[in-house]
């Protein structure tokens, strides 16, 4: 079994903790958890932690009409 990583393989998405999403959006905890519960903001649960994929966070911002700088 090889431990070599394939540079051409799929890139893993960074997972953001809810606290970071709250800080980036500048909104309250309830607002973020409402978006998570409705499915508007995607998330995964690892153990007791709820994490937001960075790509899902970006799509959420785009759906809100926020354009990100390149």
C-alpha atoms as a PDB file:
ATOM      1  CA  UNK A   1       0.000   0.000   0.000  1.00  0.00           C
ATOM      2  CA  UNK A   2       1.453   3.340  -1.036  1.00  0.00           C
ATOM      3  CA  UNK A   3       1.204   6.567   0.941  1.00  0.00           C
ATOM      4  CA  UNK A   4       1.914   8.677  -2.141  1.00  0.00           C
ATOM      5  CA  UNK A   5      -0.722  11.285  -2.751  1.00  0.00           C
ATOM      6  CA  UNK A   6      -2.057  11.667  -6.249  1.00  0.00           C
ATOM      7  CA  UNK A   7      -1.696  15.340  -7.215  1.00  0.00           C
ATOM      8  CA  UNK A   8      -4.366  14.793  -9.879  1.00  0.00           C
ATOM      9  CA  UNK A   9      -6.857  13.369  -7.373  1.00  0.00           C
ATOM     10  CA  UNK A  10      -9.927  15.171  -6.048  1.00  0.00           C
ATOM     11  CA  UNK A  11      -9.354  18.187  -3.841  1.00  0.00           C
ATOM     12  CA  UNK A  12     -10.962  18.039  -0.401  1.00  0.00           C
ATOM     13  CA  UNK A  13     -13.227  20.931   0.514  1.00  0.00           C
ATOM     14  CA  UNK A  14     -12.291  22.928   3.610  1.00  0.00           C
ATOM     15  CA  UNK A  15     -14.848  22.591   6.404  1.00  0.00           C
ATOM     16  CA  UNK A  16     -15.735  25.764   8.293  1.00  0.00           C
ATOM     17  CA  UNK A  17     -16.957  25.675  11.893  1.00  0.00           C
ATOM     18  CA  UNK A  18     -20.264  27.429  12.482  1.00  0.00           C
ATOM     19  CA  UNK A  19     -18.483  30.046  14.618  1.00  0.00           C
ATOM     20  CA  UNK A  20     -16.369  31.032  11.592  1.00  0.00           C
ATOM     21  CA  UNK A  21     -19.450  31.245   9.358  1.00  0.00           C
ATOM     22  CA  UNK A  22     -21.112  33.506  11.942  1.00  0.00           C
ATOM     23  CA  UNK A  23     -18.021  35.737  12.080  1.00  0.00           C
ATOM     24  CA  UNK A  24     -17.676  35.924   8.281  1.00  0.00           C
ATOM     25  CA  UNK A  25     -21.341  36.792   7.782  1.00  0.00           C
ATOM     26  CA  UNK A  26     -21.503  39.182  10.726  1.00  0.00           C
ATOM     27  CA  UNK A  27     -24.896  37.829  11.768  1.00  0.00           C
ATOM     28  CA  UNK A  28     -26.233  36.107  14.848  1.00  0.00           C
ATOM     29  CA  UNK A  29     -26.101  32.435  15.706  1.00  0.00           C
ATOM     30  CA  UNK A  30     -29.862  32.021  15.234  1.00  0.00           C
ATOM     31  CA  UNK A  31     -29.683  33.349  11.669  1.00  0.00           C
ATOM     32  CA  UNK A  32     -27.004  30.830  10.710  1.00  0.00           C
ATOM     33  CA  UNK A  33     -28.745  27.889  12.385  1.00  0.00           C
ATOM     34  CA  UNK A  34     -32.005  28.847  10.631  1.00  0.00           C
ATOM     35  CA  UNK A  35     -30.168  28.725   7.272  1.00  0.00           C
ATOM     36  CA  UNK A  36     -28.652  25.355   8.236  1.00  0.00           C
ATOM     37  CA  UNK A  37     -32.011  23.916   9.287  1.00  0.00           C
ATOM     38  CA  UNK A  38     -33.731  25.076   6.086  1.00  0.00           C
ATOM     39  CA  UNK A  39     -30.967  23.575   3.937  1.00  0.00           C
ATOM     40  CA  UNK A  40     -30.082  26.934   2.399  1.00  0.00           C
ATOM     41  CA  UNK A  41     -26.632  26.611   3.965  1.00  0.00           C
ATOM     42  CA  UNK A  42     -25.283  23.060   3.588  1.00  0.00           C
ATOM     43  CA  UNK A  43     -23.471  21.332   6.419  1.00  0.00           C
ATOM     44  CA  UNK A  44     -22.106  18.042   7.640  1.00  0.00           C
ATOM     45  CA  UNK A  45     -22.002  16.680  11.139  1.00  0.00           C
ATOM     46  CA  UNK A  46     -18.801  15.122  12.463  1.00  0.00           C
ATOM     47  CA  UNK A  47     -19.324  13.824  15.963  1.00  0.00           C
ATOM     48  CA  UNK A  48     -20.982  16.689  17.798  1.00  0.00           C
ATOM     49  CA  UNK A  49     -19.630  19.371  15.461  1.00  0.00           C
ATOM     50  CA  UNK A  50     -21.616  20.957  12.648  1.00  0.00           C
ATOM     51  CA  UNK A  51     -19.323  22.060   9.812  1.00  0.00           C
ATOM     52  CA  UNK A  52     -20.021  23.969   6.600  1.00  0.00           C
ATOM     53  CA  UNK A  53     -18.155  23.058   3.391  1.00  0.00           C
ATOM     54  CA  UNK A  54     -16.380  26.148   2.035  1.00  0.00           C
ATOM     55  CA  UNK A  55     -17.891  25.544  -1.413  1.00  0.00           C
ATOM     56  CA  UNK A  56     -21.387  25.410   0.097  1.00  0.00           C
ATOM     57  CA  UNK A  57     -20.718  28.625   1.992  1.00  0.00           C
ATOM     58  CA  UNK A  58     -19.637  30.298  -1.259  1.00  0.00           C
ATOM     59  CA  UNK A  59     -22.783  29.094  -3.060  1.00  0.00           C
ATOM     60  CA  UNK A  60     -24.898  30.397  -0.175  1.00  0.00           C
ATOM     61  CA  UNK A  61     -23.279  33.822  -0.504  1.00  0.00           C
ATOM     62  CA  UNK A  62     -23.842  33.800  -4.265  1.00  0.00           C
ATOM     63  CA  UNK A  63     -27.513  32.932  -3.703  1.00  0.00           C
ATOM     64  CA  UNK A  64     -27.737  35.991  -1.450  1.00  0.00           C
ATOM     65  CA  UNK A  65     -26.298  38.088  -4.280  1.00  0.00           C
ATOM     66  CA  UNK A  66     -22.874  38.580  -2.681  1.00  0.00           C
ATOM     67  CA  UNK A  67     -20.053  38.655  -5.190  1.00  0.00           C
ATOM     68  CA  UNK A  68     -16.648  37.535  -3.977  1.00  0.00           C
ATOM     69  CA  UNK A  69     -13.454  39.228  -5.085  1.00  0.00           C
ATOM     70  CA  UNK A  70     -11.215  36.950  -7.199  1.00  0.00           C
END
